[in-house]
Structures are given as C-alpha cells and as structure tokens.
Amino acid sequence: MGRLIFTMLRNPIAISFVFPVCWGRRSSLGGYKDYSRKVDGLPFERYCKSGLTILGMLLIVLSCTEPFEFNAEEFENVLIVEAGITDEMKTQEVFLSRSFVADEEVVQERGATVSIMDDVGVAYQFQEAEPGLYRSTIDFGAVEGREYRLQVGTADGASYSSTVVTLPSKAEIGELRAVRTTNERGIDGVAILINSIGQDDGAGFYRYEYEETYRIQSALVGFERLIVASEDPPTLELVWNDRNEHFCYNGQTSNTISITDTEGFSENRVSDFQVRFIDRRDRIVASRYSILVKQFKQSREAHVFYETLQEFSGIESLFTQTQPGFINGNISSDNNPENRVLGFFEATAVTSKRIFFDFNDIFTEEDPGTLISECEETRSIRLFDPGLFALITSGNWRFLSTDPLDETQTTYLLVKTRCVDCTVFGTNVRPDFWED
C-alpha cells in the first residue's frame, strides 16, 4: 500500500478529504529541489496541516468497520493507519499518525508497538525508525496461502487489529508500451499502456503505481564560466567549465489512484490499460524518458476501498449523494469502540516493468519544444562594467560567450542560468538503471 493514499491527490481539498496528512511529492531519483525535500527516499516534511474541515466528511464514510453518524466532538482523536505488505522480500513499512480535528493538527504516532502475525504463529515485529514510520526488523514477503493480521498497540494503551488478509495470486506484466494518442480533451500526447494476464481464472483486481525518470538537456552549452576571484575588490575570472551541466535527470512517482479489474470478462486479462498520459508539450518527454510501472494484484475488498477513494478524489464528488458507511476500512479497536481509526491493511502481489523512449521515437521528426525559444534572450555587458559582478553572483545569469562583433573580446554575452545549467532542473548524476 506504501504511501499512496498520502500522496495520490494533488488537490489540497481532496488531500484533506482522504487523509489529513501531506507526505509531499517524491522524486524517483531521491528528491530534488523542484520536488519534496527528502533523504534516502523519505521526505523531511512527512506531515503537514490540511483543511481538516473536510476530514469530517471523510469520517462520515470511512469509519472503523461499522458505519456511524458524524458528530464533530467525537472525532478529536483519530488514529490513521496505512499498512500493506507485498510478496517482495524486503523491509516492510507501516505509517501511523493521529489527527486532532479540534486543533486542526496532525501528528506522528510515536511509541507504538507494531507487528504482523501469520496463521502459523510467526510474528513479524516492527521498530520505529522515525516518528510515525515503523519498519520490520527483518526482511520478509507475503506468501500465497498464508493469512496475515496487523496488530497495533499505541502508547496510551489502546490496541487495534485488522481483519485477516491473504496474498492474491500473481499476475505477470505481458507488455508495457508507449503509444501516441489524443486524449478525451483533444490533447496530443503519449499514453503508457499495460497488458497483463492473471494466473487464475477468477476476476482480478489491479492497482498501478509508477516511477518516472526523464533526461533534461540544457538548451545551450557554456564552455566557459565566470567565477569569483575576489570579493574585495570585486573580481571575476573566466575559467573552463569542467562541470557536467548539459545532461541532467529528474523524476517523480505517481500520486493518483490507478485501478482496474477483470470482473465480468471471460479472461483474467488486462488489455491496453492506460497507466499514464503525457502531453506532447510536457518537457519531461522532450529528450529521453523512462517509466517503471508496478502492478499490484489485490483483493476485492482492497479494490473497493481504493475505488471509493478514487470516486472521492475529485472535488465535485464531495457533494454527491453517497450515503454514510459507503467506505469501510478493515482496522478496528480491540478494546474500546470509541477509539476511532482510519485505514486499510492489505497484502499484494507485485510485478514491475520498465521502458525507455526518446521524443522522436513517439513524435517522429517533430520539434520537442525545448528551452531554446526561451533562451534567445542574451544580455550584452562590458567586462569592466561594475554591474557584471552583481549579475554573475546573483546566480540568475551565466556567461555564454564573448560578443563576436567585439574584436577586443571585452564584451560578454550572458544568458539565464537555466539555459546553460541543467542542474537547475535536476541532478547531473546519471541513474544506475539509465539506458541511452
């Protein structure tokens, strides 16, 4: 389940509606300045305040395991649980937070005991790695045929348990491809389509997440650069530019719910399901692009949970005539029905596949619309102009070349930094998985 629920909705009202927690938008390359700040894949700002008035609307429909009527005074202390295990042999994670509606505050749940029990008596223990984040003490993966139950004990003495969940059979990804298409709004772009087939004959329920990475190519090349030789007196020195500023990389992970099912079909087969659509004018496909798609085979109950969250992900859905109790999680209090908890625990079978493509692989012989048109503006300035030092040290302007019309070569042409330095948009460290 990961952190999808916390990151899937970009609309601030919708975020507040699903859970009053903001995990930030993450980068598939470890995070860069144009995305959430993070270290080793985890954002620094794990939680943030939201418009918690919408939380009350969620609590009407997303209760423990029984529908209940909404009374604002009853929801001043709500435990939020996001937990899921996969069949991948890895460190599994559980996220706990608590919402205090009256104070419009969301805090990490600290000092909890977390474990997952299976039906043969094996207990997988979790330790608090950082506030609100609990990691398994050993690597493990869910096994088909076993039953699993989540157990959480909070520092105030309350305990919570999930219903028993099992691992669905795996479904292999047959094909992942990029196809030029026009979307329902008439926008020309590229669609990422997936095909897969389940191992069983029954209905299959699937959820998709992706990590996309793209190469950024600077519009211009600065072979030399001006550096500060002295602050007093202000002096600049022209040196050879030995830094890699022409090719950079950045990326991000999906933050929306993407689900489908094969119920009602003759085969448990997913055919050309669209995981992602990218506008042709989007600069993430202007050079070279890669996407890693993860397919989660999940239970019918988990599918219904995500399906209903998807229904409410649009602001207009907040005012539909959905009846109270329409969504139910599978976690409840063991010792006090007054202890409110929101969340869902699931076990999923995961498969993944990655593809790469260049702009011209999809849009043959067309202009990708790079930054060149925005970089035609240059600024001409004399070497001894006192304003040159201020321009260079501001970080907004960079040396491009000397003016070819000036035989003395004391007139410099400057361009905006983003035109010659791709690190404005990403990192110049090439990902290990990257293929040119």
Protein backbone atom coordinates (compact mmCIF):
# COMPACT_ATOMS: atom_id res chain seq x y z
CA MET A 1 0.00 0.00 0.00
CA GLY A 2 3.01 2.22 0.59
CA ARG A 3 2.31 5.91 0.92
CA LEU A 4 -0.09 6.13 -1.99
CA ILE A 5 -3.06 7.42 -0.03
CA PHE A 6 -0.97 10.24 1.37
CA THR A 7 0.42 11.33 -1.98
CA MET A 8 -2.15 10.43 -4.58
CA LEU A 9 -4.19 13.62 -4.59
CA ARG A 10 -2.67 16.92 -5.63
CA ASN A 11 -5.81 18.94 -4.99
CA PRO A 12 -5.41 20.33 -1.42
CA ILE A 13 -9.09 19.89 -0.62
CA ALA A 14 -9.03 16.34 -1.91
CA ILE A 15 -5.89 15.64 0.13
CA SER A 16 -7.64 16.84 3.25
CA PHE A 17 -10.61 14.69 2.38
CA VAL A 18 -8.75 11.43 2.01
CA PHE A 19 -6.43 11.82 4.99
CA PRO A 20 -5.36 15.00 6.80
CA VAL A 21 -1.73 14.20 6.10
CA CYS A 22 0.63 15.54 3.45
CA TRP A 23 3.58 13.38 2.54
CA GLY A 24 4.82 15.54 -0.31
CA ARG A 25 5.65 14.72 -3.87
CA ARG A 26 8.64 12.47 -4.15
CA SER A 27 11.22 12.03 -6.83
CA SER A 28 12.20 8.64 -8.16
CA LEU A 29 15.82 9.75 -8.10
CA GLY A 30 15.98 10.59 -4.42
CA GLY A 31 14.40 14.03 -4.46
CA TYR A 32 15.47 17.32 -5.99
CA LYS A 33 14.78 20.93 -5.27
CA ASP A 34 11.75 21.14 -7.53
CA TYR A 35 10.07 18.33 -5.57
CA SER A 36 9.68 17.43 -1.91
CA ARG A 37 12.84 17.59 0.16
CA LYS A 38 13.90 14.09 1.09
CA VAL A 39 16.85 11.91 2.10
CA ASP A 40 17.24 8.27 1.05
CA GLY A 41 13.76 8.26 -0.44
CA LEU A 42 11.95 9.73 2.58
CA PRO A 43 10.69 13.31 2.74
CA PHE A 44 11.84 15.59 5.54
CA GLU A 45 8.42 17.16 5.82
CA ARG A 46 6.47 13.94 6.30
CA TYR A 47 3.42 15.59 7.72
CA CYS A 48 1.69 18.91 7.19
CA LYS A 49 -1.53 20.56 8.23
CA SER A 50 -4.53 20.43 5.93
CA GLY A 51 -8.01 21.83 5.82
CA LEU A 52 -9.38 19.42 8.38
CA THR A 53 -12.94 20.57 7.98
CA ILE A 54 -13.09 18.12 5.07
CA LEU A 55 -11.93 15.32 7.38
CA GLY A 56 -15.35 15.33 8.98
CA MET A 57 -16.87 14.47 5.60
CA LEU A 58 -14.42 11.57 5.28
CA LEU A 59 -15.21 10.30 8.73
CA ILE A 60 -18.86 10.00 7.80
CA VAL A 61 -17.99 7.41 5.18
CA LEU A 62 -14.60 5.99 6.21
CA SER A 63 -15.25 4.63 9.68
CA CYS A 64 -13.85 1.66 11.59
CA THR A 65 -15.65 -1.40 10.33
CA GLU A 66 -19.17 -0.14 11.02
CA PRO A 67 -20.99 2.91 9.62
CA PHE A 68 -21.65 5.70 12.09
CA GLU A 69 -23.18 9.16 12.13
CA PHE A 70 -20.88 12.13 12.22
CA ASN A 71 -20.53 14.23 15.35
CA ALA A 72 -17.57 16.64 15.28
CA GLU A 73 -16.93 16.25 19.01
CA GLU A 74 -16.40 12.50 18.55
CA PHE A 75 -13.51 12.91 16.13
CA GLU A 76 -10.96 14.91 18.05
CA ASN A 77 -8.61 11.94 18.23
CA VAL A 78 -8.38 9.67 15.19
CA LEU A 79 -5.60 7.14 14.58
CA ILE A 80 -4.64 6.93 10.92
CA VAL A 81 -3.04 3.67 9.77
CA GLU A 82 -1.54 2.93 6.39
CA ALA A 83 -0.08 -0.52 6.16
CA GLY A 84 0.42 -3.08 3.46
CA ILE A 85 2.81 -5.92 2.76
CA THR A 86 3.87 -7.29 -0.59
CA ASP A 87 5.35 -10.56 -1.77
CA GLU A 88 8.69 -8.79 -2.26
CA MET A 89 11.45 -9.89 0.13
CA LYS A 90 12.20 -6.52 1.69
CA THR A 91 11.81 -4.33 4.76
CA GLN A 92 8.07 -3.72 5.07
CA GLU A 93 6.71 -0.42 6.42
CA VAL A 94 3.75 0.83 8.43
CA PHE A 95 2.81 4.51 8.83
CA LEU A 96 0.90 5.81 11.85
CA SER A 97 -0.36 9.31 12.56
CA ARG A 98 -3.07 10.90 14.62
CA SER A 99 -5.49 13.64 13.71
CA PHE A 100 -6.84 16.14 16.23
CA VAL A 101 -9.73 17.80 14.44
CA ALA A 102 -10.44 20.46 17.06
CA ASP A 103 -6.84 21.71 16.97
CA GLU A 104 -6.51 21.25 13.19
CA GLU A 105 -3.36 19.27 13.85
CA VAL A 106 -1.89 16.05 12.54
CA VAL A 107 0.99 14.45 14.42
CA GLN A 108 3.06 11.32 14.03
CA GLU A 109 2.05 8.45 16.30
CA ARG A 110 5.13 7.72 18.38
CA GLY A 111 5.96 4.90 20.76
CA ALA A 112 3.58 2.34 19.24
CA THR A 113 4.14 -1.40 19.05
CA VAL A 114 3.50 -2.81 15.59
CA SER A 115 3.52 -6.42 14.45
CA ILE A 116 2.10 -8.64 11.74
CA MET A 117 1.04 -12.19 12.68
CA ASP A 118 0.58 -15.03 10.25
CA ASP A 119 -1.57 -18.13 10.64
CA VAL A 120 1.29 -20.41 11.63
CA GLY A 121 2.31 -18.28 14.60
CA VAL A 122 5.14 -16.26 13.06
CA ALA A 123 5.22 -12.69 14.38
CA TYR A 124 6.97 -10.04 12.30
CA GLN A 125 7.99 -7.21 14.60
CA PHE A 126 8.35 -3.59 13.59
CA GLN A 127 10.51 -0.87 15.12
CA GLU A 128 10.02 2.89 14.98
CA ALA A 129 12.61 4.16 12.50
CA GLU A 130 11.49 7.76 12.79
CA PRO A 131 8.38 9.42 14.19
CA GLY A 132 5.35 7.71 12.66
CA LEU A 133 7.36 5.33 10.47
CA TYR A 134 7.69 1.71 11.60
CA ARG A 135 9.91 -0.77 9.74
CA SER A 136 10.09 -4.54 10.04
CA THR A 137 13.12 -5.77 11.95
CA ILE A 138 13.79 -8.40 9.28
CA ASP A 139 13.14 -8.58 5.57
CA PHE A 140 10.12 -10.69 4.64
CA GLY A 141 7.49 -11.04 1.96
CA ALA A 142 3.92 -12.24 1.98
CA VAL A 143 3.44 -15.86 0.87
CA GLU A 144 0.47 -17.19 -1.06
CA GLY A 145 -1.74 -19.40 1.10
CA ARG A 146 -0.80 -17.71 4.38
CA GLU A 147 -3.06 -15.42 6.40
CA TYR A 148 -1.86 -12.14 7.91
CA ARG A 149 -3.21 -9.80 10.53
CA LEU A 150 -1.88 -6.37 11.55
CA GLN A 151 -1.72 -5.52 15.26
CA VAL A 152 -1.01 -2.05 16.62
CA GLY A 153 -0.66 -1.01 20.24
CA THR A 154 -0.43 2.71 20.97
CA ALA A 155 1.37 4.41 23.84
CA ASP A 156 -1.94 5.26 25.54
CA GLY A 157 -2.73 1.56 26.00
CA ALA A 158 -5.17 1.18 23.12
CA SER A 159 -4.87 -1.74 20.70
CA TYR A 160 -6.08 -2.17 17.14
CA SER A 161 -6.25 -5.12 14.75
CA SER A 162 -7.05 -5.66 11.13
CA THR A 163 -9.13 -8.39 9.64
CA VAL A 164 -7.24 -11.35 8.21
CA VAL A 165 -5.84 -10.78 4.72
CA THR A 166 -4.31 -13.20 2.22
CA LEU A 167 -1.99 -12.76 -0.74
CA PRO A 168 -3.67 -12.92 -4.15
CA SER A 169 -2.01 -14.92 -6.93
CA LYS A 170 0.49 -13.03 -9.05
CA ALA A 171 -0.28 -11.59 -12.49
CA GLU A 172 2.65 -11.08 -14.84
CA ILE A 173 3.01 -7.98 -16.98
CA GLY A 174 3.00 -9.09 -20.58
CA GLU A 175 3.67 -5.80 -22.33
CA LEU A 176 4.30 -2.17 -21.39
CA ARG A 177 4.38 0.24 -24.28
CA ALA A 178 4.22 3.91 -25.22
CA VAL A 179 1.76 4.94 -27.94
CA ARG A 180 0.99 8.32 -29.44
CA THR A 181 -2.64 9.22 -28.94
CA THR A 182 -5.10 12.03 -28.37
CA ASN A 183 -6.85 12.11 -25.02
CA GLU A 184 -10.50 12.87 -24.30
CA ARG A 185 -9.75 16.61 -24.20
CA GLY A 186 -8.18 16.56 -27.64
CA ILE A 187 -4.59 16.87 -26.36
CA ASP A 188 -1.86 15.23 -28.42
CA GLY A 189 0.48 13.14 -26.31
CA VAL A 190 1.81 9.73 -25.38
CA ALA A 191 -0.09 7.05 -23.48
CA ILE A 192 1.62 4.39 -21.36
CA LEU A 193 -0.39 1.17 -21.86
CA ILE A 194 -0.09 -2.09 -19.96
CA ASN A 195 -1.15 -5.64 -20.75
CA SER A 196 -1.10 -8.48 -18.24
CA ILE A 197 -2.72 -11.81 -17.53
CA GLY A 198 -3.57 -13.40 -14.21
CA GLN A 199 -2.62 -16.92 -13.18
CA ASP A 200 -6.15 -17.80 -12.08
CA ASP A 201 -9.46 -17.85 -13.93
CA GLY A 202 -11.37 -15.66 -11.49
CA ALA A 203 -11.78 -11.91 -11.57
CA GLY A 204 -8.56 -9.97 -10.99
CA PHE A 205 -8.21 -6.64 -9.20
CA TYR A 206 -5.24 -4.46 -10.05
CA ARG A 207 -3.67 -1.23 -8.85
CA TYR A 208 -0.82 0.58 -10.58
CA GLU A 209 1.91 2.91 -9.41
CA TYR A 210 4.81 4.27 -11.40
CA GLU A 211 8.19 5.94 -11.05
CA GLU A 212 9.10 8.12 -14.00
CA THR A 213 12.57 9.44 -14.77
CA TYR A 214 13.50 11.81 -17.54
CA ARG A 215 16.62 13.30 -19.03
CA ILE A 216 16.95 17.07 -19.21
CA GLN A 217 19.11 18.65 -21.88
CA SER A 218 20.19 22.27 -21.49
CA ALA A 219 19.28 24.49 -24.39
CA LEU A 220 22.78 25.97 -24.72
CA VAL A 221 26.28 24.87 -23.83
CA GLY A 222 28.53 27.09 -21.73
CA PHE A 223 32.11 26.04 -22.40
CA GLU A 224 33.45 28.68 -20.04
CA ARG A 225 32.13 30.30 -16.87
CA LEU A 226 32.85 33.31 -14.71
CA ILE A 227 33.85 32.63 -11.13
CA VAL A 228 34.51 35.00 -8.25
CA ALA A 229 38.26 35.55 -7.89
CA SER A 230 37.92 38.22 -5.21
CA GLU A 231 35.14 39.81 -3.20
CA ASP A 232 37.15 42.92 -2.40
CA PRO A 233 37.82 44.31 -4.85
CA PRO A 234 35.02 42.58 -6.81
CA THR A 235 36.86 40.50 -9.41
CA LEU A 236 35.70 37.79 -11.80
CA GLU A 237 37.82 35.20 -13.58
CA LEU A 238 36.91 33.39 -16.80
CA VAL A 239 37.70 29.67 -16.49
CA TRP A 240 37.00 26.50 -18.44
CA ASN A 241 33.69 24.92 -17.43
CA ASP A 242 34.52 21.35 -16.44
CA ARG A 243 31.15 20.60 -14.84
CA ASN A 244 28.52 18.42 -16.46
CA GLU A 245 25.68 20.85 -16.98
CA HIS A 246 24.36 19.67 -20.32
CA PHE A 247 22.56 16.44 -19.35
CA CYS A 248 20.65 16.03 -16.10
CA TYR A 249 17.97 13.76 -14.69
CA ASN A 250 14.89 14.12 -12.55
CA GLY A 251 11.78 12.15 -11.78
CA GLN A 252 8.73 11.64 -9.65
CA THR A 253 6.34 8.95 -8.50
CA SER A 254 2.62 8.63 -9.16
CA ASN A 255 0.24 10.37 -6.79
CA THR A 256 -3.13 9.27 -8.13
CA ILE A 257 -5.20 6.11 -7.81
CA SER A 258 -4.99 3.92 -10.90
CA ILE A 259 -7.05 0.74 -10.67
CA THR A 260 -8.83 -1.69 -12.94
CA ASP A 261 -10.43 -5.15 -12.74
CA THR A 262 -11.42 -8.04 -14.97
CA GLU A 263 -14.73 -8.80 -13.30
CA GLY A 264 -17.32 -9.73 -15.89
CA PHE A 265 -14.75 -10.65 -18.55
CA SER A 266 -14.18 -14.12 -19.96
CA GLU A 267 -10.46 -13.97 -19.11
CA ASN A 268 -8.45 -12.54 -16.24
CA ARG A 269 -6.59 -10.35 -18.68
CA VAL A 270 -5.80 -6.61 -18.67
CA SER A 271 -5.61 -5.19 -22.19
CA ASP A 272 -4.14 -1.77 -23.04
CA PHE A 273 -4.98 -0.20 -19.69
CA GLN A 274 -3.69 3.39 -19.63
CA VAL A 275 -1.41 3.96 -16.66
CA ARG A 276 -0.16 7.40 -17.67
CA PHE A 277 -0.81 10.09 -20.28
CA ILE A 278 1.74 12.81 -21.01
CA ASP A 279 1.07 15.93 -23.04
CA ARG A 280 3.38 16.17 -26.05
CA ARG A 281 4.36 19.66 -24.87
CA ASP A 282 5.43 18.45 -21.43
CA ARG A 283 9.19 18.86 -21.13
CA ILE A 284 9.58 15.55 -19.30
CA VAL A 285 9.37 13.82 -22.70
CA ALA A 286 11.37 16.44 -24.61
CA SER A 287 14.59 14.40 -24.55
CA ARG A 288 14.52 10.84 -23.17
CA TYR A 289 12.01 9.34 -20.78
CA SER A 290 11.71 6.18 -18.69
CA ILE A 291 8.87 4.78 -16.62
CA LEU A 292 8.86 1.89 -14.15
CA VAL A 293 5.32 0.60 -13.68
CA LYS A 294 4.43 -1.52 -10.65
CA GLN A 295 1.37 -3.74 -10.82
CA PHE A 296 -0.27 -4.71 -7.52
CA LYS A 297 -2.64 -7.67 -7.60
CA GLN A 298 -5.01 -7.03 -4.70
CA SER A 299 -8.13 -8.39 -3.05
CA ARG A 300 -11.67 -7.42 -3.95
CA GLU A 301 -12.01 -5.63 -0.57
CA ALA A 302 -8.89 -3.56 -1.19
CA HIS A 303 -10.12 -2.77 -4.68
CA VAL A 304 -13.44 -1.49 -3.35
CA PHE A 305 -11.59 0.66 -0.81
CA TYR A 306 -9.42 2.27 -3.50
CA GLU A 307 -12.30 2.53 -5.93
CA THR A 308 -14.29 4.59 -3.46
CA LEU A 309 -11.30 6.79 -2.64
CA GLN A 310 -10.90 7.32 -6.36
CA GLU A 311 -14.55 8.36 -6.59
CA PHE A 312 -13.95 11.00 -3.96
CA SER A 313 -10.65 12.24 -5.38
CA GLY A 314 -12.44 14.97 -7.37
CA ILE A 315 -13.76 17.99 -5.50
CA GLU A 316 -17.11 17.69 -7.20
CA SER A 317 -17.50 14.22 -5.66
CA LEU A 318 -17.51 15.67 -2.17
CA PHE A 319 -21.07 16.81 -2.65
CA THR A 320 -22.62 13.71 -4.17
CA GLN A 321 -25.42 11.80 -2.50
CA THR A 322 -23.21 8.97 -1.26
CA GLN A 323 -24.70 7.50 1.87
CA PRO A 324 -22.85 7.24 5.21
CA GLY A 325 -20.95 4.00 5.69
CA PHE A 326 -20.19 3.59 2.00
CA ILE A 327 -16.46 3.09 2.65
CA ASN A 328 -15.18 0.82 5.39
CA GLY A 329 -11.58 0.13 6.33
CA ASN A 330 -10.54 -3.21 7.79
CA ILE A 331 -8.88 -1.99 11.01
CA SER A 332 -10.76 -1.52 14.29
CA SER A 333 -10.16 -1.02 18.00
CA ASP A 334 -9.77 -4.19 20.09
CA ASN A 335 -10.74 -2.82 23.49
CA ASN A 336 -12.76 0.36 23.02
CA PRO A 337 -15.26 1.01 20.21
CA GLU A 338 -14.96 4.73 20.95
CA ASN A 339 -11.36 4.71 19.68
CA ARG A 340 -11.63 5.87 16.09
CA VAL A 341 -9.25 4.53 13.45
CA LEU A 342 -8.96 5.08 9.71
CA GLY A 343 -7.02 2.77 7.45
CA PHE A 344 -6.70 -0.41 5.45
CA PHE A 345 -4.25 -3.30 5.71
CA GLU A 346 -3.62 -5.40 2.60
CA ALA A 347 -1.29 -7.97 1.08
CA THR A 348 -0.45 -7.56 -2.59
CA ALA A 349 1.46 -9.47 -5.26
CA VAL A 350 3.78 -7.14 -7.16
CA THR A 351 5.27 -7.27 -10.65
CA SER A 352 7.04 -4.46 -12.47
CA LYS A 353 8.40 -3.47 -15.84
CA ARG A 354 10.41 -0.54 -17.21
CA ILE A 355 10.56 1.03 -20.68
CA PHE A 356 12.55 3.89 -22.25
CA PHE A 357 11.82 6.10 -25.24
CA ASP A 358 13.13 9.23 -26.94
CA PHE A 359 10.90 12.07 -28.05
CA ASN A 360 11.38 11.20 -31.71
CA ASP A 361 10.51 7.55 -31.07
CA ILE A 362 6.95 8.74 -30.49
CA PHE A 363 6.73 12.08 -32.26
CA THR A 364 8.74 11.40 -35.42
CA GLU A 365 10.60 14.34 -36.95
CA GLU A 366 8.88 16.91 -34.78
CA ASP A 367 10.35 19.68 -32.64
CA PRO A 368 10.24 18.67 -28.97
CA GLY A 369 9.80 22.31 -27.97
CA THR A 370 12.88 22.66 -25.79
CA LEU A 371 14.01 25.69 -23.85
CA ILE A 372 15.77 27.14 -26.90
CA SER A 373 12.99 29.59 -27.70
CA GLU A 374 13.12 30.88 -24.13
CA CYS A 375 16.88 31.25 -24.26
CA GLU A 376 17.16 33.53 -27.26
CA GLU A 377 17.41 36.49 -24.90
CA THR A 378 21.02 37.45 -24.21
CA ARG A 379 22.44 40.32 -22.23
CA SER A 380 25.44 42.19 -23.53
CA ILE A 381 27.73 43.74 -20.94
CA ARG A 382 31.28 45.08 -20.87
CA LEU A 383 33.95 43.25 -18.91
CA PHE A 384 34.64 46.26 -16.73
CA ASP A 385 31.02 47.17 -16.11
CA PRO A 386 30.54 47.16 -12.31
CA GLY A 387 27.11 45.58 -12.84
CA LEU A 388 28.67 42.38 -14.22
CA PHE A 389 29.80 41.18 -10.79
CA ALA A 390 26.30 41.60 -9.35
CA LEU A 391 24.69 39.75 -12.26
CA ILE A 392 27.00 36.74 -12.01
CA THR A 393 26.89 36.47 -8.22
CA SER A 394 23.07 36.67 -8.25
CA GLY A 395 23.03 33.17 -9.71
CA ASN A 396 20.45 34.17 -12.31
CA TRP A 397 22.85 34.90 -15.17
CA ARG A 398 25.73 32.94 -16.69
CA PHE A 399 28.50 33.70 -19.14
CA LEU A 400 27.79 32.25 -22.62
CA SER A 401 30.50 33.70 -24.85
CA THR A 402 32.26 36.87 -25.84
CA ASP A 403 30.45 39.08 -28.34
CA PRO A 404 31.70 38.01 -31.80
CA LEU A 405 31.20 41.60 -33.02
CA ASP A 406 33.67 42.94 -30.45
CA GLU A 407 37.22 42.45 -31.67
CA THR A 408 38.61 43.31 -28.22
CA GLN A 409 36.65 40.40 -26.72
CA THR A 410 35.79 42.51 -23.71
CA THR A 411 32.03 42.39 -24.27
CA TYR A 412 30.36 39.39 -22.72
CA LEU A 413 27.07 37.76 -23.67
CA LEU A 414 25.08 36.49 -20.70
CA VAL A 415 22.08 34.15 -20.64
CA LYS A 416 19.74 32.97 -17.92
CA THR A 417 21.35 30.24 -15.81
CA ARG A 418 18.63 27.71 -16.63
CA CYS A 419 19.62 27.90 -20.31
CA VAL A 420 23.14 26.52 -19.78
CA ASP A 421 22.94 24.71 -16.45
CA CYS A 422 20.56 21.75 -16.36
CA THR A 423 21.17 21.25 -12.62
CA VAL A 424 18.60 23.98 -12.12
CA PHE A 425 16.06 21.29 -13.00
CA GLY A 426 17.65 18.10 -11.73
CA THR A 427 20.84 16.25 -10.90
CA ASN A 428 23.75 15.59 -13.24
CA VAL A 429 24.28 12.16 -11.65
CA ARG A 430 23.19 9.50 -14.12
CA PRO A 431 20.89 6.87 -12.54
CA ASP A 432 22.35 3.37 -12.38
CA PHE A 433 19.43 1.91 -14.33
CA TRP A 434 19.55 4.50 -17.12
CA GLU A 435 19.94 3.32 -20.72
CA ASP A 436 20.84 5.71 -23.52
